[in-house]
Amino acid sequence: MNIETPLQLFADHFETIYQRWGMALNQCGFDNGVIYAGEQSLYFHDDHGAPFKTNPNLVQWLPQDSIPEHSCLVVRPGEKPALLFFRPIDFWHAPSQIPQNHGEHFNVELFEDSNDLFSRCKALLEKGSKTAYIGESHTPLLAKLQGCTENPTDLIHHLYFQRGSKTPYELATMACASSIGVNGHLAAAKAFHAGATEFEIHLSYLKATGHNEVSLPYSNIIAQNEHASLLHYQHQERARAENLNSLLIDAGGTFNGYASDITRTHVGDQCYSAEAGNEFEALITSMDAHQIQLTQAVRKDCHYLDLHRQMHKQLAEVLVAHDLVSCSAEEAFEQDLTVPFCPHGLGHLLGIQVHDVGGHQISLKGEQAPPPESYSTLRLTRPLETNMVITIEPGLYFIPSLLKPLRQDKAPLNWSKIEALIPFGGIRIEDNVCVTDAEPRNLTREAFARADNG
């Protein structure tokens, strides 16, 4: 897979991050900062653990997917940051790749022994200076840096609020992650229509993206039939289903530490009922149009909560158009009949982390705008700003546990039609959208268009 590396944009990105950190440290009363990559944690009473994930605050500084445990970056305004890179040489593991071509940006020092690295970090900090430490608690490095301030809230507020606006390098990197994810989705759809199991679809996705389990931005959701009604379905069935009614796949790609987050829904070729299959396919078409309308409404200074309300109003129209409710769209919205059909939020910020930080934060000082009680699952409540990347992911699900109270309350729903659609699980369509000063940029549909033309 030939994904172009946007490294020509990295120099400007580095300067932006360097300036952000310098300003934040100054305004919060610190002389310097230390970003710790973290360390491997082991399972209970075991000598193995979960795959190591680098502190995302450090990933933002380097154009690569991960930095090994115990590494750290020392940020001192007015000086080159010092990257202390942990690279033990032994016969158990392959050594980590040394960062390339960063001499103009960092002073890179290599260490085979973590204690030597920690001592060097302490030596780089002037005695009596005020140091902010960003990373895990109770670490050997933190113990070494006595007197520093651990994860100062005001500094984190500054950094996380600014992380919402992406640099041109970050946007280009996320476009690469989108292309990787789209390659996986195309392979997954092909495997599904060939009769593959959930697990076989997952393997097709990994092969097409060049990812393994560790490099995925999040665990793939590959849900056939009723499984598509489980929002974070976590299993991958090895056995073939009796009928292949539907596939909902929520899966992304990673490039240089940045993620894509893409969902598509497909109707199967071996549905339990041809009539129900045709209805479900028509619903997918309507939901796709519904999703596109929402993405086109993304604008600078638009409030995400308004988009979320628009999602429910439009969903009410879909329910009426497909005779799933026996009342008007306005009545369905006012009575919250759409909520059991889509119990999650419209989306979230996206970047280094799939659910990126700062979604409820509305100022550098950390003021929060919690979601309203009526939409308590909403992950993003701040006004949209230029170069934010957000997900737009409306859904329509047939979840028995949420539908049961509506039946008991004798809600105006077409139960015979709903029961016919329960075996399909549900529909979600998710794109990654960049806010601009004019028309929004849809990174996901751009990537699908490139794949179609390539």
Foldseek 3Di string as FASTA:
>chain_A
DDQDAPCVQLVVLLVVLLVLLVVLCVVVPFQKEKEFQAAFDDDPPDPHHDDRGGDLVVLSNAQAAGAHHLWMWIRGPPDAIETEGEFADDDPDDTDDDGPDCVVRYNYDYDNDSVVSLVVSLVVDDPPGEYEYEDDPPDPSCVSNPPYHYPDPLSVLSVQQVVQFDDPSQVSQQLSFLLLQVQLVVQLVVCVQVQAFQVVSVVSSCVRNVHDCVQWLDQKDWDFFQLLQPPCRHDTDRDGDPFGAKIWIWGTGHGSLFIFTWIFMDGYPGHPDPVLSVLVVVLSVLVVVLLVVLLQPDAAQAWQVVSQLSSQLSVLVSCVVSQFFDDHSVVCSVVVVCCLQFVATQKAWGISHRRGPDQQAADSRGDGDQDDPVHNRHSHGYGDHARRKIKGKTKGFLDPVSCVVCVVVVGRGDVVSSVSRSRRGITIGMWIWGHHNDGIDTSNVVSVVVVVVD
